[in-house]
Structure formats: structure tokens, C-alpha cells
């Protein structure tokens, strides 16, 4: 058997350990592959279009679906993303709400960018959808997801009879998420307070306590009762731009709100 001097053995052992350490470091520090799944975005730029204020276009990736709002209508489409490649199925499914003339070109260009994109990247925190040769079709800012510190005004309330109704004329219902886990606002006539728990997209409210002032308009009192009941059914929250949808565990819309700016 070949004999090594003590100095030679120590030198060989040092080189071996250094090599192991180097290999281990390479494996540990390898960056995770980026993914679109579970991300949400708000349209920032659209070449050739001036992005309209107050009508945010949004894009959210969940599972194998790309969905959101084009500024006029909600949309949904299947998508696949492998590495930096992207393919959104066409045609895109959409609701059929009438689109104001000043927003129609933006909505059309937005959907065209979505289905025309074949690549994507994150550049300085922004999502960019691109053609195969790298031309940017649209860029998106990250969608804020925190509810704490935000205030909202209801635009639709589930009446408990499988229908979501617009608010009674000249009435206002508000919802304010405080940083300490408390929520409060006006139910239309009376003030209310409650507490909330957020876990990802999950949202639940504790039973609300409200003042007991009598409302002069019976329809406002009925709406107030429906709103407080609807809060108790909330299981998830979806925030898109300046809109917030609170839904039940089976996906029914409980309350629809718009952000107070």
C-alpha cells in the first residue's frame, strides 16, 4: 500500500473538503426557476395606448388559467408557461358588458397583447409580455394584495336570494380594514365593527356588532341587514386593481366593492 507523509495527507484532505464545499455551495445557491402561477398584476404600459386611469386592467395566473379584467370585461383563458415561454389560448372567454368608446381600443389591444405574447420576463419587478424576438407587448406592475389599511365602498351586495343587487339610491356602505385585524364602516345607516382573518386569498369575518339606530328608509334597513349577513358568509377575497370581490366558499359573490382613493 502506498504510504503518504502526514503533510501530503493533510494537503489532499484540504483539497477534497474544499471541493465538496464548493459543490455544496453551488447546489444551495442555485436560483429557483421563476413561475407565473400564483402571481397577480395591473397593466402599466401598453405600446400605442394611453392606459386609462380609474379602469385598471388586470392579469392573474392561477393553476392553468390566466384571468382578470381588460378594463371593460372580465376574461379567462387557458395558458401554458415553460421557462420564459408563454402561450395563452385564443379566443379568450369574456363577459359581454358594453365598453365605453374611449376604453374599447385599450381593451382590444390588451387582449391582443395577451394572446400575441410568446415570451415573458420580470424586469425591475415588472412583468413584461413579449414577442419571440423580444418586443414588449405590455408591461404590468405587481398587484397589491394587502387589505390592511385599505378602505372600500360597496357596489353590490348579495341579498341572500341568489342575487347580487346594486346599492339603494343615495345610500353608501363602506368597509375599512384596519392594521390590527379589526374592520369597521357604515352598513348604510348604522356603524358596525368586526374582526377579520386573512390567509392568502382566504378571508373570514367574525360576527359584526352594529349600532341600533332606526333608519327612516325601510329599503336601506333591509340592505344593511343583507350586507352584515353577507359579510358572515365570506370565505375568499380577490383584489384586482381598484376592485375587491368577497366570495363565499362555493364561489358565490357576497359583496363587490371599489377602492376609496
C-alpha atoms as a PDB file:
ATOM      1  CA  UNK A   1       0.000   0.000   0.000  1.00  0.00           C
ATOM      2  CA  UNK A   2       1.316   3.429  -0.943  1.00  0.00           C
ATOM      3  CA  UNK A   3       2.386   5.438   2.060  1.00  0.00           C
ATOM      4  CA  UNK A   4       1.755   9.218   2.388  1.00  0.00           C
ATOM      5  CA  UNK A   5       3.597  11.627   4.607  1.00  0.00           C
ATOM      6  CA  UNK A   6       1.497  13.498   7.170  1.00  0.00           C
ATOM      7  CA  UNK A   7       1.945  16.751   5.212  1.00  0.00           C
ATOM      8  CA  UNK A   8       0.799  15.139   1.962  1.00  0.00           C
ATOM      9  CA  UNK A   9      -2.259  13.608   3.625  1.00  0.00           C
ATOM     10  CA  UNK A  10      -3.310  16.926   5.153  1.00  0.00           C
ATOM     11  CA  UNK A  11      -2.917  18.665   1.778  1.00  0.00           C
ATOM     12  CA  UNK A  12      -5.027  16.057  -0.028  1.00  0.00           C
ATOM     13  CA  UNK A  13      -7.734  16.210   2.649  1.00  0.00           C
ATOM     14  CA  UNK A  14      -7.861  20.015   2.430  1.00  0.00           C
ATOM     15  CA  UNK A  15      -8.333  19.926  -1.356  1.00  0.00           C
ATOM     16  CA  UNK A  16     -11.066  17.273  -1.060  1.00  0.00           C
ATOM     17  CA  UNK A  17     -13.022  19.222   1.550  1.00  0.00           C
ATOM     18  CA  UNK A  18     -12.724  22.431  -0.453  1.00  0.00           C
ATOM     19  CA  UNK A  19     -14.140  20.675  -3.499  1.00  0.00           C
ATOM     20  CA  UNK A  20     -17.085  19.330  -1.510  1.00  0.00           C
ATOM     21  CA  UNK A  21     -17.780  22.723  -0.025  1.00  0.00           C
ATOM     22  CA  UNK A  22     -17.672  24.315  -3.445  1.00  0.00           C
ATOM     23  CA  UNK A  23     -20.097  21.751  -4.882  1.00  0.00           C
ATOM     24  CA  UNK A  24     -22.451  22.112  -1.939  1.00  0.00           C
ATOM     25  CA  UNK A  25     -22.475  25.891  -2.295  1.00  0.00           C
ATOM     26  CA  UNK A  26     -23.328  25.644  -5.978  1.00  0.00           C
ATOM     27  CA  UNK A  27     -26.325  23.437  -5.280  1.00  0.00           C
ATOM     28  CA  UNK A  28     -27.629  25.513  -2.381  1.00  0.00           C
ATOM     29  CA  UNK A  29     -27.424  28.855  -4.147  1.00  0.00           C
ATOM     30  CA  UNK A  30     -28.961  27.758  -7.454  1.00  0.00           C
ATOM     31  CA  UNK A  31     -31.847  30.190  -8.053  1.00  0.00           C
ATOM     32  CA  UNK A  32     -35.363  28.832  -8.105  1.00  0.00           C
ATOM     33  CA  UNK A  33     -36.988  28.767 -11.535  1.00  0.00           C
ATOM     34  CA  UNK A  34     -39.401  31.728 -11.847  1.00  0.00           C
ATOM     35  CA  UNK A  35     -43.072  30.932 -12.208  1.00  0.00           C
ATOM     36  CA  UNK A  36     -46.185  32.861 -13.173  1.00  0.00           C
ATOM     37  CA  UNK A  37     -48.576  30.672 -11.210  1.00  0.00           C
ATOM     38  CA  UNK A  38     -49.981  32.463  -8.188  1.00  0.00           C
ATOM     39  CA  UNK A  39     -48.975  35.955  -9.343  1.00  0.00           C
ATOM     40  CA  UNK A  40     -51.260  38.954  -9.949  1.00  0.00           C
ATOM     41  CA  UNK A  41     -50.592  42.119 -11.956  1.00  0.00           C
ATOM     42  CA  UNK A  42     -52.027  45.502 -13.002  1.00  0.00           C
ATOM     43  CA  UNK A  43     -51.479  46.872 -16.510  1.00  0.00           C
ATOM     44  CA  UNK A  44     -48.800  49.596 -16.504  1.00  0.00           C
ATOM     45  CA  UNK A  45     -47.962  50.229 -20.173  1.00  0.00           C
ATOM     46  CA  UNK A  46     -49.452  49.203 -23.481  1.00  0.00           C
ATOM     47  CA  UNK A  47     -47.466  50.405 -26.532  1.00  0.00           C
ATOM     48  CA  UNK A  48     -49.607  52.635 -28.719  1.00  0.00           C
ATOM     49  CA  UNK A  49     -52.212  53.157 -25.990  1.00  0.00           C
ATOM     50  CA  UNK A  50     -52.589  55.532 -23.066  1.00  0.00           C
ATOM     51  CA  UNK A  51     -53.582  53.395 -20.098  1.00  0.00           C
ATOM     52  CA  UNK A  52     -56.854  54.830 -18.784  1.00  0.00           C
ATOM     53  CA  UNK A  53     -56.962  55.954 -15.170  1.00  0.00           C
ATOM     54  CA  UNK A  54     -59.682  54.539 -12.940  1.00  0.00           C
ATOM     55  CA  UNK A  55     -60.335  51.474 -15.101  1.00  0.00           C
ATOM     56  CA  UNK A  56     -57.472  49.157 -14.209  1.00  0.00           C
ATOM     57  CA  UNK A  57     -56.781  46.209 -16.491  1.00  0.00           C
ATOM     58  CA  UNK A  58     -55.556  43.226 -14.513  1.00  0.00           C
ATOM     59  CA  UNK A  59     -53.978  39.822 -15.070  1.00  0.00           C
ATOM     60  CA  UNK A  60     -53.808  36.913 -12.643  1.00  0.00           C
ATOM     61  CA  UNK A  61     -52.322  33.439 -13.136  1.00  0.00           C
ATOM     62  CA  UNK A  62     -53.884  30.591 -11.162  1.00  0.00           C
ATOM     63  CA  UNK A  63     -53.220  26.963 -11.993  1.00  0.00           C
ATOM     64  CA  UNK A  64     -53.624  26.681 -15.762  1.00  0.00           C
ATOM     65  CA  UNK A  65     -55.816  29.799 -16.123  1.00  0.00           C
ATOM     66  CA  UNK A  66     -54.953  33.401 -16.954  1.00  0.00           C
ATOM     67  CA  UNK A  67     -57.781  35.683 -15.908  1.00  0.00           C
ATOM     68  CA  UNK A  68     -58.607  39.216 -14.929  1.00  0.00           C
ATOM     69  CA  UNK A  69     -60.262  42.358 -16.282  1.00  0.00           C
ATOM     70  CA  UNK A  70     -59.454  44.124 -19.555  1.00  0.00           C
ATOM     71  CA  UNK A  71     -60.872  47.460 -18.353  1.00  0.00           C
ATOM     72  CA  UNK A  72     -64.349  46.662 -19.698  1.00  0.00           C
ATOM     73  CA  UNK A  73     -64.960  42.947 -19.228  1.00  0.00           C
ATOM     74  CA  UNK A  74     -63.721  40.027 -17.199  1.00  0.00           C
ATOM     75  CA  UNK A  75     -61.798  37.395 -19.147  1.00  0.00           C
ATOM     76  CA  UNK A  76     -60.389  33.926 -18.687  1.00  0.00           C
ATOM     77  CA  UNK A  77     -58.176  31.716 -20.841  1.00  0.00           C
ATOM     78  CA  UNK A  78     -56.021  28.624 -20.559  1.00  0.00           C
ATOM     79  CA  UNK A  79     -52.286  29.234 -20.599  1.00  0.00           C
ATOM     80  CA  UNK A  80     -49.011  27.321 -20.509  1.00  0.00           C
ATOM     81  CA  UNK A  81     -45.644  28.685 -19.413  1.00  0.00           C
ATOM     82  CA  UNK A  82     -42.411  26.736 -19.703  1.00  0.00           C
ATOM     83  CA  UNK A  83     -39.305  28.614 -18.677  1.00  0.00           C
ATOM     84  CA  UNK A  84     -39.564  32.011 -20.340  1.00  0.00           C
ATOM     85  CA  UNK A  85     -42.046  30.888 -22.999  1.00  0.00           C
ATOM     86  CA  UNK A  86     -45.747  31.690 -22.743  1.00  0.00           C
ATOM     87  CA  UNK A  87     -48.819  30.692 -24.694  1.00  0.00           C
ATOM     88  CA  UNK A  88     -52.319  31.994 -23.913  1.00  0.00           C
ATOM     89  CA  UNK A  89     -55.111  30.135 -25.685  1.00  0.00           C
ATOM     90  CA  UNK A  90     -57.247  32.069 -28.156  1.00  0.00           C
ATOM     91  CA  UNK A  91     -60.065  33.022 -28.270  1.00  0.00           C
ATOM     92  CA  UNK A  92     -60.233  34.429 -24.756  1.00  0.00           C
ATOM     93  CA  UNK A  93     -63.505  33.878 -22.898  1.00  0.00           C
ATOM     94  CA  UNK A  94     -65.061  37.155 -21.801  1.00  0.00           C
ATOM     95  CA  UNK A  95     -68.166  38.725 -20.345  1.00  0.00           C
ATOM     96  CA  UNK A  96     -70.148  40.894 -22.753  1.00  0.00           C
ATOM     97  CA  UNK A  97     -70.602  44.226 -20.981  1.00  0.00           C
ATOM     98  CA  UNK A  98     -70.794  47.256 -23.269  1.00  0.00           C
ATOM     99  CA  UNK A  99     -67.467  49.079 -23.416  1.00  0.00           C
ATOM    100  CA  UNK A 100     -67.277  52.895 -23.469  1.00  0.00           C
ATOM    101  CA  UNK A 101     -65.838  54.175 -26.774  1.00  0.00           C
ATOM    102  CA  UNK A 102     -62.778  55.656 -25.076  1.00  0.00           C
ATOM    103  CA  UNK A 103     -61.893  52.305 -23.442  1.00  0.00           C
ATOM    104  CA  UNK A 104     -62.671  49.920 -26.291  1.00  0.00           C
ATOM    105  CA  UNK A 105     -59.303  50.360 -28.101  1.00  0.00           C
ATOM    106  CA  UNK A 106     -57.375  49.713 -24.881  1.00  0.00           C
ATOM    107  CA  UNK A 107     -59.390  46.589 -24.069  1.00  0.00           C
ATOM    108  CA  UNK A 108     -58.880  45.236 -27.588  1.00  0.00           C
ATOM    109  CA  UNK A 109     -55.140  45.990 -27.537  1.00  0.00           C
ATOM    110  CA  UNK A 110     -54.842  44.399 -24.091  1.00  0.00           C
ATOM    111  CA  UNK A 111     -56.426  41.132 -25.247  1.00  0.00           C
ATOM    112  CA  UNK A 112     -54.279  41.208 -28.393  1.00  0.00           C
ATOM    113  CA  UNK A 113     -51.119  41.554 -26.310  1.00  0.00           C
ATOM    114  CA  UNK A 114     -52.224  38.679 -24.100  1.00  0.00           C
ATOM    115  CA  UNK A 115     -52.815  36.195 -26.909  1.00  0.00           C
ATOM    116  CA  UNK A 116     -49.927  37.506 -29.028  1.00  0.00           C
ATOM    117  CA  UNK A 117     -47.292  37.079 -26.339  1.00  0.00           C
ATOM    118  CA  UNK A 118     -44.956  34.118 -26.703  1.00  0.00           C
ATOM    119  CA  UNK A 119     -42.414  35.012 -24.015  1.00  0.00           C
ATOM    120  CA  UNK A 120     -42.279  36.712 -20.637  1.00  0.00           C
ATOM    121  CA  UNK A 121     -39.781  38.096 -18.173  1.00  0.00           C
ATOM    122  CA  UNK A 122     -39.604  40.032 -14.915  1.00  0.00           C
ATOM    123  CA  UNK A 123     -37.717  43.298 -15.446  1.00  0.00           C
ATOM    124  CA  UNK A 124     -37.147  45.561 -12.413  1.00  0.00           C
ATOM    125  CA  UNK A 125     -40.141  44.000 -10.695  1.00  0.00           C
ATOM    126  CA  UNK A 126     -42.464  44.430 -13.698  1.00  0.00           C
ATOM    127  CA  UNK A 127     -43.915  41.596 -15.759  1.00  0.00           C
ATOM    128  CA  UNK A 128     -43.297  42.039 -19.499  1.00  0.00           C
ATOM    129  CA  UNK A 129     -45.131  40.058 -22.166  1.00  0.00           C
ATOM    130  CA  UNK A 130     -43.096  39.813 -25.365  1.00  0.00           C
ATOM    131  CA  UNK A 131     -42.999  38.548 -28.926  1.00  0.00           C
ATOM    132  CA  UNK A 132     -40.485  35.782 -29.762  1.00  0.00           C
ATOM    133  CA  UNK A 133     -37.978  38.434 -30.914  1.00  0.00           C
ATOM    134  CA  UNK A 134     -38.196  40.325 -27.595  1.00  0.00           C
ATOM    135  CA  UNK A 135     -40.554  43.175 -28.491  1.00  0.00           C
ATOM    136  CA  UNK A 136     -42.578  44.177 -25.403  1.00  0.00           C
ATOM    137  CA  UNK A 137     -46.346  43.981 -25.957  1.00  0.00           C
ATOM    138  CA  UNK A 138     -47.420  45.007 -22.450  1.00  0.00           C
ATOM    139  CA  UNK A 139     -45.918  45.549 -19.014  1.00  0.00           C
ATOM    140  CA  UNK A 140     -47.554  45.054 -15.622  1.00  0.00           C
ATOM    141  CA  UNK A 141     -46.906  46.290 -12.092  1.00  0.00           C
ATOM    142  CA  UNK A 142     -47.374  43.874  -9.194  1.00  0.00           C
ATOM    143  CA  UNK A 143     -50.934  43.827  -7.882  1.00  0.00           C
ATOM    144  CA  UNK A 144     -51.066  44.962  -4.225  1.00  0.00           C
ATOM    145  CA  UNK A 145     -52.658  42.207  -2.172  1.00  0.00           C
ATOM    146  CA  UNK A 146     -52.643  43.595   1.381  1.00  0.00           C
ATOM    147  CA  UNK A 147     -56.047  44.568   2.744  1.00  0.00           C
ATOM    148  CA  UNK A 148     -54.834  46.144   5.970  1.00  0.00           C
ATOM    149  CA  UNK A 149     -55.036  49.923   5.773  1.00  0.00           C
ATOM    150  CA  UNK A 150     -57.397  49.978   2.782  1.00  0.00           C
ATOM    151  CA  UNK A 151     -60.930  51.398   2.560  1.00  0.00           C
ATOM    152  CA  UNK A 152     -63.712  50.316   0.207  1.00  0.00           C
ATOM    153  CA  UNK A 153     -67.218  51.242  -0.879  1.00  0.00           C
ATOM    154  CA  UNK A 154     -69.719  48.512  -1.719  1.00  0.00           C
ATOM    155  CA  UNK A 155     -71.213  48.487  -5.218  1.00  0.00           C
ATOM    156  CA  UNK A 156     -73.110  45.194  -4.980  1.00  0.00           C
ATOM    157  CA  UNK A 157     -74.493  43.095  -2.110  1.00  0.00           C
ATOM    158  CA  UNK A 158     -75.867  39.565  -2.134  1.00  0.00           C
ATOM    159  CA  UNK A 159     -79.481  39.710  -0.947  1.00  0.00           C
ATOM    160  CA  UNK A 160     -79.459  36.124   0.293  1.00  0.00           C
ATOM    161  CA  UNK A 161     -81.794  35.067  -2.513  1.00  0.00           C
ATOM    162  CA  UNK A 162     -79.109  34.130  -5.054  1.00  0.00           C
ATOM    163  CA  UNK A 163     -78.913  37.664  -6.438  1.00  0.00           C
ATOM    164  CA  UNK A 164     -76.394  40.484  -6.108  1.00  0.00           C
ATOM    165  CA  UNK A 165     -78.117  43.870  -6.050  1.00  0.00           C
ATOM    166  CA  UNK A 166     -76.755  47.344  -6.656  1.00  0.00           C
ATOM    167  CA  UNK A 167     -76.993  49.699  -3.725  1.00  0.00           C
ATOM    168  CA  UNK A 168     -80.182  51.531  -2.894  1.00  0.00           C
ATOM    169  CA  UNK A 169     -80.192  55.002  -4.395  1.00  0.00           C
ATOM    170  CA  UNK A 170     -78.448  57.638  -2.257  1.00  0.00           C
ATOM    171  CA  UNK A 171     -77.071  55.071   0.192  1.00  0.00           C
ATOM    172  CA  UNK A 172     -73.460  54.211   0.997  1.00  0.00           C
ATOM    173  CA  UNK A 173     -71.957  51.059   2.521  1.00  0.00           C
ATOM    174  CA  UNK A 174     -68.267  51.066   3.448  1.00  0.00           C
ATOM    175  CA  UNK A 175     -65.624  48.624   4.666  1.00  0.00           C
ATOM    176  CA  UNK A 176     -62.335  49.671   6.265  1.00  0.00           C
ATOM    177  CA  UNK A 177     -59.614  47.115   7.007  1.00  0.00           C
ATOM    178  CA  UNK A 178     -57.516  48.258   9.946  1.00  0.00           C
ATOM    179  CA  UNK A 179     -53.954  47.108  10.557  1.00  0.00           C
ATOM    180  CA  UNK A 180     -54.825  45.450  13.893  1.00  0.00           C
ATOM    181  CA  UNK A 181     -57.176  42.893  12.361  1.00  0.00           C
ATOM    182  CA  UNK A 182     -60.275  44.951  13.001  1.00  0.00           C
ATOM    183  CA  UNK A 183     -62.732  46.076  10.332  1.00  0.00           C
ATOM    184  CA  UNK A 184     -65.382  48.774  10.516  1.00  0.00           C
ATOM    185  CA  UNK A 185     -67.570  51.012   8.414  1.00  0.00           C
ATOM    186  CA  UNK A 186     -71.075  52.131   7.656  1.00  0.00           C
ATOM    187  CA  UNK A 187     -73.663  49.484   6.839  1.00  0.00           C
ATOM    188  CA  UNK A 188     -75.816  52.169   5.246  1.00  0.00           C
ATOM    189  CA  UNK A 189     -77.470  53.552   8.335  1.00  0.00           C
ATOM    190  CA  UNK A 190     -75.601  52.148  11.334  1.00  0.00           C
ATOM    191  CA  UNK A 191     -71.893  51.878  12.079  1.00  0.00           C
ATOM    192  CA  UNK A 192     -70.515  48.379  12.557  1.00  0.00           C
ATOM    193  CA  UNK A 193     -67.303  46.763  13.789  1.00  0.00           C
ATOM    194  CA  UNK A 194     -65.910  43.287  13.319  1.00  0.00           C
ATOM    195  CA  UNK A 195     -62.582  41.469  13.054  1.00  0.00           C
ATOM    196  CA  UNK A 196     -61.088  39.630  10.097  1.00  0.00           C
ATOM    197  CA  UNK A 197     -58.514  36.945   9.391  1.00  0.00           C
ATOM    198  CA  UNK A 198     -56.548  36.775   6.134  1.00  0.00           C
ATOM    199  CA  UNK A 199     -54.620  33.720   4.950  1.00  0.00           C
ATOM    200  CA  UNK A 200     -53.516  34.122   1.351  1.00  0.00           C
ATOM    201  CA  UNK A 201     -56.705  34.536  -0.662  1.00  0.00           C
ATOM    202  CA  UNK A 202     -58.814  33.277   2.250  1.00  0.00           C
ATOM    203  CA  UNK A 203     -60.729  35.882   4.260  1.00  0.00           C
ATOM    204  CA  UNK A 204     -63.195  35.463   7.099  1.00  0.00           C
ATOM    205  CA  UNK A 205     -65.067  37.894   9.331  1.00  0.00           C
ATOM    206  CA  UNK A 206     -66.306  37.473  12.875  1.00  0.00           C
ATOM    207  CA  UNK A 207     -70.000  38.335  13.512  1.00  0.00           C
ATOM    208  CA  UNK A 208     -70.354  42.119  13.292  1.00  0.00           C
ATOM    209  CA  UNK A 209     -71.606  44.366  16.089  1.00  0.00           C
ATOM    210  CA  UNK A 210     -73.601  47.399  14.949  1.00  0.00           C
ATOM    211  CA  UNK A 211     -75.308  50.421  16.464  1.00  0.00           C
ATOM    212  CA  UNK A 212     -79.097  50.262  16.699  1.00  0.00           C
ATOM    213  CA  UNK A 213     -80.257  53.469  15.084  1.00  0.00           C
ATOM    214  CA  UNK A 214     -83.551  53.187  13.210  1.00  0.00           C
ATOM    215  CA  UNK A 215     -83.274  54.044   9.529  1.00  0.00           C
ATOM    216  CA  UNK A 216     -86.032  56.204   8.012  1.00  0.00           C
ATOM    217  CA  UNK A 217     -85.965  54.191   4.774  1.00  0.00           C
ATOM    218  CA  UNK A 218     -87.030  50.511   5.058  1.00  0.00           C
ATOM    219  CA  UNK A 219     -85.115  49.561   1.896  1.00  0.00           C
ATOM    220  CA  UNK A 220     -81.884  50.852   3.440  1.00  0.00           C
ATOM    221  CA  UNK A 221     -82.506  48.833   6.605  1.00  0.00           C
ATOM    222  CA  UNK A 222     -83.072  45.707   4.501  1.00  0.00           C
ATOM    223  CA  UNK A 223     -79.881  46.376   2.546  1.00  0.00           C
ATOM    224  CA  UNK A 224     -77.981  46.877   5.810  1.00  0.00           C
ATOM    225  CA  UNK A 225     -79.202  43.530   7.107  1.00  0.00           C
ATOM    226  CA  UNK A 226     -78.229  41.809   3.856  1.00  0.00           C
ATOM    227  CA  UNK A 227     -74.750  43.345   3.955  1.00  0.00           C
ATOM    228  CA  UNK A 228     -73.983  42.241   7.510  1.00  0.00           C
ATOM    229  CA  UNK A 229     -75.252  38.739   6.726  1.00  0.00           C
ATOM    230  CA  UNK A 230     -73.162  38.648   3.539  1.00  0.00           C
ATOM    231  CA  UNK A 231     -70.001  39.504   5.479  1.00  0.00           C
ATOM    232  CA  UNK A 232     -70.569  36.415   7.601  1.00  0.00           C
ATOM    233  CA  UNK A 233     -70.547  34.193   4.501  1.00  0.00           C
ATOM    234  CA  UNK A 234     -67.245  35.469   3.097  1.00  0.00           C
ATOM    235  CA  UNK A 235     -64.527  32.845   2.571  1.00  0.00           C
ATOM    236  CA  UNK A 236     -62.238  34.360  -0.082  1.00  0.00           C
ATOM    237  CA  UNK A 237     -61.178  37.760  -1.379  1.00  0.00           C
ATOM    238  CA  UNK A 238     -59.997  38.644  -4.875  1.00  0.00           C
ATOM    239  CA  UNK A 239     -58.454  42.073  -5.369  1.00  0.00           C
ATOM    240  CA  UNK A 240     -57.996  43.290  -8.934  1.00  0.00           C
ATOM    241  CA  UNK A 241     -56.871  46.861  -9.438  1.00  0.00           C
ATOM    242  CA  UNK A 242     -59.311  49.059  -7.528  1.00  0.00           C
ATOM    243  CA  UNK A 243     -61.964  46.341  -7.281  1.00  0.00           C
ATOM    244  CA  UNK A 244     -62.456  43.815  -4.489  1.00  0.00           C
ATOM    245  CA  UNK A 245     -64.727  40.777  -4.646  1.00  0.00           C
ATOM    246  CA  UNK A 246     -65.658  38.922  -1.471  1.00  0.00           C
ATOM    247  CA  UNK A 247     -66.963  35.434  -2.235  1.00  0.00           C
ATOM    248  CA  UNK A 248     -68.464  32.516  -0.339  1.00  0.00           C
ATOM    249  CA  UNK A 249     -66.853  29.093  -0.012  1.00  0.00           C
ATOM    250  CA  UNK A 250     -68.752  27.849  -3.081  1.00  0.00           C
ATOM    251  CA  UNK A 251     -67.708  30.857  -5.154  1.00  0.00           C
ATOM    252  CA  UNK A 252     -70.876  32.966  -4.975  1.00  0.00           C
ATOM    253  CA  UNK A 253     -70.323  36.721  -4.885  1.00  0.00           C
ATOM    254  CA  UNK A 254     -71.133  38.059  -1.411  1.00  0.00           C
ATOM    255  CA  UNK A 255     -70.038  41.693  -1.702  1.00  0.00           C
ATOM    256  CA  UNK A 256     -68.446  43.673  -4.517  1.00  0.00           C
ATOM    257  CA  UNK A 257     -66.511  46.824  -3.602  1.00  0.00           C
ATOM    258  CA  UNK A 258     -64.434  49.589  -5.150  1.00  0.00           C
ATOM    259  CA  UNK A 259     -61.362  51.185  -3.563  1.00  0.00           C
ATOM    260  CA  UNK A 260     -61.665  54.569  -1.867  1.00  0.00           C
ATOM    261  CA  UNK A 261     -58.758  56.639  -3.176  1.00  0.00           C
END
